[in-house]
Structure formats: C-alpha cells, structure tokens
Protein backbone atom coordinates (compact mmCIF):
# COMPACT_ATOMS: atom_id res chain seq x y z
CA UNK A 1 161.66 -53.74 262.92
CA UNK A 2 160.76 -50.29 264.23
CA UNK A 3 157.35 -48.65 264.19
CA UNK A 4 157.77 -45.60 261.96
CA UNK A 5 154.56 -43.87 263.03
CA UNK A 6 156.65 -41.28 264.87
CA UNK A 7 159.43 -41.00 262.28
CA UNK A 8 160.84 -37.48 262.28
CA UNK A 9 164.09 -35.57 262.41
CA UNK A 10 167.20 -35.88 260.28
CA UNK A 11 168.27 -38.98 258.39
CA UNK A 12 171.52 -39.42 256.49
CA UNK A 13 171.55 -40.39 252.83
CA UNK A 14 174.65 -42.51 253.33
CA UNK A 15 177.49 -42.62 250.82
CA UNK A 16 178.73 -46.07 249.80
CA UNK A 17 182.49 -46.33 250.46
CA UNK A 18 184.60 -48.22 247.92
CA UNK A 19 188.08 -49.70 248.05
CA UNK A 20 190.71 -48.45 245.63
CA UNK A 21 189.94 -51.40 243.34
CA UNK A 22 186.29 -50.33 243.23
CA UNK A 23 184.95 -53.06 245.53
CA UNK A 24 182.77 -52.33 248.55
CA UNK A 25 184.59 -50.96 251.59
CA UNK A 26 182.38 -52.41 254.31
CA UNK A 27 184.82 -51.55 257.11
CA UNK A 28 184.53 -47.84 256.30
CA UNK A 29 180.76 -48.21 255.95
CA UNK A 30 180.52 -49.65 259.45
CA UNK A 31 182.68 -46.82 260.80
CA UNK A 32 180.46 -44.28 259.05
CA UNK A 33 177.32 -45.82 260.58
CA UNK A 34 178.81 -45.50 264.07
CA UNK A 35 179.92 -41.92 263.39
CA UNK A 36 176.41 -40.92 262.27
CA UNK A 37 174.61 -42.53 265.18
CA UNK A 38 177.19 -41.41 267.72
CA UNK A 39 176.77 -37.81 266.60
CA UNK A 40 172.99 -37.90 267.03
CA UNK A 41 171.45 -38.68 263.64
CA UNK A 42 167.83 -39.88 263.81
CA UNK A 43 167.77 -42.49 261.01
CA UNK A 44 169.90 -43.90 258.20
CA UNK A 45 169.16 -44.13 254.47
CA UNK A 46 171.58 -46.44 252.61
CA UNK A 47 171.55 -47.14 248.87
CA UNK A 48 169.95 -43.94 247.66
CA UNK A 49 171.33 -41.60 245.01
CA UNK A 50 174.04 -40.43 247.42
CA UNK A 51 174.95 -44.09 247.89
CA UNK A 52 175.66 -44.50 244.15
CA UNK A 53 172.94 -47.14 244.02
CA UNK A 54 172.77 -46.98 240.22
CA UNK A 55 176.22 -48.59 240.01
CA UNK A 56 175.69 -51.28 242.65
CA UNK A 57 174.90 -54.81 241.57
CA UNK A 58 171.79 -56.43 243.06
CA UNK A 59 174.00 -58.46 245.41
CA UNK A 60 176.07 -55.44 246.45
CA UNK A 61 172.93 -53.40 247.11
CA UNK A 62 171.65 -56.03 249.51
CA UNK A 63 175.08 -56.44 251.12
CA UNK A 64 175.27 -52.70 251.84
CA UNK A 65 171.82 -52.67 253.45
CA UNK A 66 172.60 -55.80 255.48
CA UNK A 67 175.87 -54.27 256.69
CA UNK A 68 174.16 -51.05 257.76
CA UNK A 69 171.43 -52.98 259.59
CA UNK A 70 174.00 -55.22 261.29
CA UNK A 71 176.18 -52.31 262.44
CA UNK A 72 173.16 -50.26 263.47
CA UNK A 73 171.97 -52.98 265.86
CA UNK A 74 168.51 -51.47 266.08
CA UNK A 75 169.69 -48.12 267.38
CA UNK A 76 167.89 -45.99 264.76
CA UNK A 77 165.49 -46.77 261.88
CA UNK A 78 167.05 -47.88 258.60
CA UNK A 79 165.19 -46.75 255.48
CA UNK A 80 166.80 -48.53 252.54
CA UNK A 81 166.73 -47.35 248.95
CA UNK A 82 164.88 -49.60 246.50
CA UNK A 83 164.03 -47.73 243.33
CA UNK A 84 164.42 -47.84 239.60
CA UNK A 85 162.64 -47.44 236.30
CA UNK A 86 161.43 -51.03 235.84
CA UNK A 87 158.61 -51.78 238.26
CA UNK A 88 159.17 -55.56 238.21
CA UNK A 89 162.86 -55.17 239.04
CA UNK A 90 162.11 -52.69 241.82
CA UNK A 91 159.66 -55.17 243.34
CA UNK A 92 162.34 -57.89 243.27
CA UNK A 93 164.79 -55.52 244.96
CA UNK A 94 162.26 -54.31 247.52
CA UNK A 95 161.42 -57.89 248.51
CA UNK A 96 165.12 -58.62 249.00
CA UNK A 97 165.56 -55.45 251.06
CA UNK A 98 162.63 -56.52 253.22
CA UNK A 99 164.59 -59.65 254.21
CA UNK A 100 167.62 -57.63 255.40
CA UNK A 101 165.98 -56.26 258.52
CA UNK A 102 165.49 -52.73 257.16
CA UNK A 103 162.59 -50.83 258.67
CA UNK A 104 161.27 -49.15 255.50
CA UNK A 105 161.94 -48.55 251.82
CA UNK A 106 162.70 -45.30 250.03
CA UNK A 107 161.75 -45.59 246.36
CA UNK A 108 162.64 -42.94 243.81
CA UNK A 109 160.32 -42.02 240.97
CA UNK A 110 161.13 -43.90 237.75
CA UNK A 111 163.73 -42.04 235.75
CA UNK A 112 164.19 -41.69 231.97
CA UNK A 113 160.83 -43.35 231.06
CA UNK A 114 158.96 -40.14 232.07
CA UNK A 115 155.72 -41.90 233.10
CA UNK A 116 152.39 -40.12 233.38
CA UNK A 117 150.88 -39.36 236.78
CA UNK A 118 148.78 -42.51 236.44
CA UNK A 119 151.92 -44.48 235.61
CA UNK A 120 153.66 -43.07 238.69
CA UNK A 121 150.69 -43.98 240.86
CA UNK A 122 150.52 -47.55 239.57
CA UNK A 123 154.30 -47.99 239.90
CA UNK A 124 154.28 -47.14 243.61
CA UNK A 125 151.00 -48.96 244.17
CA UNK A 126 152.58 -52.14 242.78
CA UNK A 127 155.69 -51.79 244.96
CA UNK A 128 153.66 -51.16 248.11
CA UNK A 129 151.46 -54.14 247.32
CA UNK A 130 154.44 -56.44 246.96
CA UNK A 131 156.00 -55.80 250.41
CA UNK A 132 154.82 -55.36 253.97
CA UNK A 133 157.43 -52.71 254.80
CA UNK A 134 156.44 -49.04 254.92
CA UNK A 135 157.31 -47.19 251.71
CA UNK A 136 158.45 -43.57 251.33
CA UNK A 137 158.28 -42.24 247.77
CA UNK A 138 161.03 -39.94 246.54
CA UNK A 139 160.31 -37.00 244.25
CA UNK A 140 163.42 -35.48 242.66
CA UNK A 141 162.47 -34.12 239.22
CA UNK A 142 165.95 -32.73 238.58
CA UNK A 143 167.29 -36.28 238.39
CA UNK A 144 164.27 -38.25 237.15
CA UNK A 145 162.57 -35.91 234.63
CA UNK A 146 159.24 -36.74 236.25
CA UNK A 147 157.45 -34.77 238.95
CA UNK A 148 155.09 -36.52 241.38
CA UNK A 149 152.35 -33.91 241.66
CA UNK A 150 150.39 -33.24 244.87
CA UNK A 151 147.24 -34.88 243.46
CA UNK A 152 149.18 -38.09 242.88
CA UNK A 153 150.83 -37.97 246.29
CA UNK A 154 147.40 -37.53 247.89
CA UNK A 155 146.21 -40.67 246.05
CA UNK A 156 149.31 -42.59 247.12
CA UNK A 157 148.71 -41.54 250.73
CA UNK A 158 145.54 -43.62 250.59
CA UNK A 159 147.62 -46.81 250.29
CA UNK A 160 148.15 -48.23 253.78
CA UNK A 161 151.90 -48.80 253.74
CA UNK A 162 152.90 -45.71 251.77
CA UNK A 163 153.71 -43.48 254.71
CA UNK A 164 155.47 -40.45 253.29
CA UNK A 165 157.39 -38.59 250.64
CA UNK A 166 160.93 -37.30 250.34
CA UNK A 167 160.24 -34.04 248.52
CA UNK A 168 163.07 -32.56 246.48
CA UNK A 169 161.28 -30.69 243.73
CA UNK A 170 162.77 -27.40 244.89
CA UNK A 171 159.37 -25.82 244.27
CA UNK A 172 158.12 -24.11 247.44
CA UNK A 173 154.65 -23.55 245.95
CA UNK A 174 154.37 -27.26 245.22
CA UNK A 175 155.48 -28.06 248.77
CA UNK A 176 152.81 -25.73 250.11
CA UNK A 177 150.12 -27.39 248.01
CA UNK A 178 151.38 -30.81 249.03
CA UNK A 179 151.22 -29.89 252.71
CA UNK A 180 147.51 -29.12 252.51
CA UNK A 181 146.65 -32.11 250.32
CA UNK A 182 148.22 -34.95 252.31
CA UNK A 183 146.38 -36.50 255.27
CA UNK A 184 147.47 -36.05 258.87
CA UNK A 185 150.24 -38.48 259.76
CA UNK A 186 151.64 -38.73 256.23
CA UNK A 187 155.33 -37.85 256.40
CA UNK A 188 156.75 -35.01 254.32
CA UNK A 189 160.55 -35.00 254.47
CA UNK A 190 162.84 -32.52 252.78
CA UNK A 191 165.20 -33.92 250.18
CA UNK A 192 167.27 -30.71 250.06
CA UNK A 193 169.35 -29.46 252.99
CA UNK A 194 168.82 -25.84 251.99
CA UNK A 195 165.01 -26.17 251.70
CA UNK A 196 164.51 -27.88 255.04
CA UNK A 197 163.44 -24.81 257.00
CA UNK A 198 160.61 -23.75 254.66
CA UNK A 199 159.40 -27.32 254.19
CA UNK A 200 159.20 -27.93 257.94
CA UNK A 201 157.52 -24.54 258.38
CA UNK A 202 154.87 -25.83 255.95
CA UNK A 203 154.30 -28.88 258.14
CA UNK A 204 157.11 -31.28 257.24
CA UNK A 205 158.54 -33.77 259.69
CA UNK A 206 162.22 -33.71 258.84
CA UNK A 207 165.04 -34.12 256.36
CA UNK A 208 166.95 -36.78 254.47
CA UNK A 209 170.31 -35.06 254.28
CA UNK A 210 173.48 -35.15 252.21
CA UNK A 211 175.44 -32.83 254.52
CA UNK A 212 174.76 -35.04 257.53
CA UNK A 213 177.33 -37.47 256.14
CA UNK A 214 179.87 -34.79 257.10
CA UNK A 215 178.14 -33.02 260.02
CA UNK A 216 175.44 -35.34 261.41
CA UNK A 217 175.16 -33.62 264.78
CA UNK A 218 174.79 -30.18 263.23
CA UNK A 219 172.12 -31.32 260.79
CA UNK A 220 170.20 -33.18 263.48
CA UNK A 221 170.23 -30.07 265.68
CA UNK A 222 169.24 -27.83 262.77
CA UNK A 223 166.28 -30.07 261.93
CA UNK A 224 165.21 -30.24 265.58
CA UNK A 225 165.28 -26.44 265.91
CA UNK A 226 163.12 -26.11 262.80
CA UNK A 227 160.62 -28.60 264.17
CA UNK A 228 160.48 -26.72 267.47
CA UNK A 229 159.73 -23.48 265.55
CA UNK A 230 163.01 -22.00 266.79
CA UNK A 231 163.68 -20.44 263.42
CA UNK A 232 166.12 -17.65 264.44
CA UNK A 233 168.43 -20.28 265.97
CA UNK A 234 167.99 -22.54 262.95
CA UNK A 235 168.80 -19.65 260.64
CA UNK A 236 172.10 -19.09 262.43
CA UNK A 237 173.05 -22.67 261.61
CA UNK A 238 171.83 -22.26 258.04
CA UNK A 239 173.89 -19.09 257.60
CA UNK A 240 177.05 -20.78 258.90
CA UNK A 241 176.72 -24.04 256.96
CA UNK A 242 175.04 -22.91 253.75
CA UNK A 243 178.45 -22.72 252.00
CA UNK A 244 178.92 -26.45 252.72
CA UNK A 245 175.37 -27.30 251.62
CA UNK A 246 175.90 -25.54 248.33
CA UNK A 247 179.49 -26.78 248.07
CA UNK A 248 178.18 -30.33 248.17
CA UNK A 249 176.68 -29.62 244.76
CA UNK A 250 179.68 -28.02 243.08
CA UNK A 251 179.68 -31.29 241.14
CA UNK A 252 177.17 -34.11 240.79
CA UNK A 253 176.12 -35.60 244.13
CA UNK A 254 177.79 -37.56 245.73
CA UNK A 255 181.13 -36.51 244.25
CA UNK A 256 181.70 -33.47 246.55
CA UNK A 257 180.42 -35.06 249.77
CA UNK A 258 182.61 -38.10 249.19
CA UNK A 259 185.56 -35.78 248.57
CA UNK A 260 184.92 -34.06 251.90
CA UNK A 261 184.62 -37.37 253.74
CA UNK A 262 187.95 -38.39 252.22
CA UNK A 263 189.48 -35.11 253.45
CA UNK A 264 188.11 -36.02 256.89
CA UNK A 265 189.67 -39.49 256.69
CA UNK A 266 186.31 -41.28 256.76
CA UNK A 267 186.34 -42.94 253.32
CA UNK A 268 188.56 -43.33 250.28
CA UNK A 269 187.73 -40.95 247.46
CA UNK A 270 186.69 -43.65 245.01
CA UNK A 271 183.71 -43.47 242.67
CA UNK A 272 182.27 -45.79 240.07
CA UNK A 273 181.95 -44.69 236.48
CA UNK A 274 180.32 -42.69 235.09
CA UNK A 275 181.12 -40.57 238.16
CA UNK A 276 184.68 -39.23 238.33
CA UNK A 277 186.61 -37.01 240.79
CA UNK A 278 185.74 -33.33 240.73
CA UNK A 279 187.85 -30.73 238.94
CA UNK A 280 190.80 -29.42 240.91
CA UNK A 281 189.43 -25.85 240.80
CA UNK A 282 186.17 -27.00 242.41
CA UNK A 283 188.03 -29.16 244.92
CA UNK A 284 190.04 -26.14 246.11
CA UNK A 285 186.85 -24.16 246.66
CA UNK A 286 185.32 -27.06 248.60
CA UNK A 287 188.46 -27.61 250.67
CA UNK A 288 188.46 -23.93 251.61
CA UNK A 289 184.86 -24.19 252.81
CA UNK A 290 185.62 -27.28 254.86
CA UNK A 291 188.71 -25.67 256.43
CA UNK A 292 186.80 -22.53 257.31
CA UNK A 293 184.22 -24.68 259.13
CA UNK A 294 186.94 -26.49 261.05
CA UNK A 295 186.12 -29.93 259.66
CA UNK A 296 189.74 -30.42 258.63
CA UNK A 297 192.94 -28.73 259.74
C-alpha cells in the first residue's frame, strides 16, 4: 500500500470494459491499465461513475478493483470507487475494497436522498471510521443533487483518514472558497478536465480525468504544466484538446469515452442498461473530433 501524502498529478477514472454478452472483459481491462501506466498516468481510479459502478454487482465491483491492482503491480496508486446512497452498504463495500490491495477509496456523495450538510458529514465520517484506508470524497452535484459545501469539507478535513476531495461542482467561486478553507496538505483534485487549470491555479493538486482514458500522456503532461505554473503551455494543450473534453460529454458519461476507446480498438462498445449507445449524429461529431486529433485514422 502506497503512502498518499504526496499524491498529485493526473489519475484516470477508468472505464469498465464489457464483453458483448455484458460480462466483465478483464483482458481488455488489463490492457487498458498497461496503456495508462505506460503512457505516464500518475494514478488509477477504477469503479467510479466512468466505470459504470452503478451497474456492477458487489462481486463484480471487487473483481474489477482486484484486477486493476493485480495488473498494476504497485506501479502507481490505485484509488478505488466505493460510494452509494446507503451508508451501511457503502461501509460494507469499502471494507471489501480495503482487502483488494487498493491504496485509497474515492466515495461519491449520496445521490437521490439529498441529505443535509450534517447528513453528508456523518455519512463520510462513518465510512472513514470503518476503514483504515485514506478516503477522498467526491462532490459532483450535477449527478447527485447534493453539494458538499466548503464548510462541510473543512469539517471532514479534520478526520484523520479523509485526505482530499474530488471537486466537480463546476463552480469556480466555490472552488476558491474551498481552497482557502481546507488545511494545508488536504488534497483538492479537479473532477472536470476543462476546469483543471483554474482549480490548480487556486491551489489544487491534480485531476481525476475522463479524457485520460483516451490520451493519458497528454492529460498527465497538461496537469504537470498546470502544477508547474506553466499556464501558457498548458493553455496550448487545452485549446487543442478542448473539443475532445467537451465531446466526451455529448452524451452521458461514459458513453462517449467508451465509444472513442472502441474506435481506438481498446474496448468493445458495450454498456449496461440504462446506458445505451449514443445517437449516430453525435457519434459522427465525436468521430470527426477524434480523427482531427489523430487518435484514429
């Protein structure tokens, strides 16, 4: 297990490949892990939203994390998703993830229940108290209908093994307030490719990326340039790849990114309901973007 005190840089929110019959495609997952690490990614994040975790069984969830840890062979940190909207079930999942060899847990805010700030605090407090692994909380109001406010994050930062937040509110003012409220050493990671530069400029330590599934080396370099305050160079990358970053959200994540990976020959374009393939009109737009960037011929 790695010490995450110095965690920084770009991590990939890994897709979960499926076979044509809908079962796990662990061979493609292993190949994807090697592709990411070989191209310079800093850490891996399996079984998050991009990994279609909501449609994985408990056993499949653990199998995916185990496979990633096994293929990784300790090369980079593995931060495994373990979230949900029932605290007791999340604790059960987090304890199982802890036994896989993962280095930390990423836990999304409870969705649909719309808990109060006190409810959010107690939810994450309970998870952190049930495991010894470091915990990173994940704020993505657009998908959860709850927003972990800076006051609450500052309280959570007082819990020893809650070490950071993946911030995807899209609210730059909130990010700015968060940056001045959290203690030194508490990790603030961007949850949006396109908001990485301003978040790092505010004091963030990196990015958990969707686009790094497709272009891990580019996203790792972009994040590094931001962290080195080399913003003109980072902006050149942002200008070139922004069409892909926005194209990845022409449909619900991870539908577009999985479509691109299928175009690249990395995975089969298979989703689990309720996700379905993107409309042909959107696919043509996305394919044009990918061709223009030279990711496919």
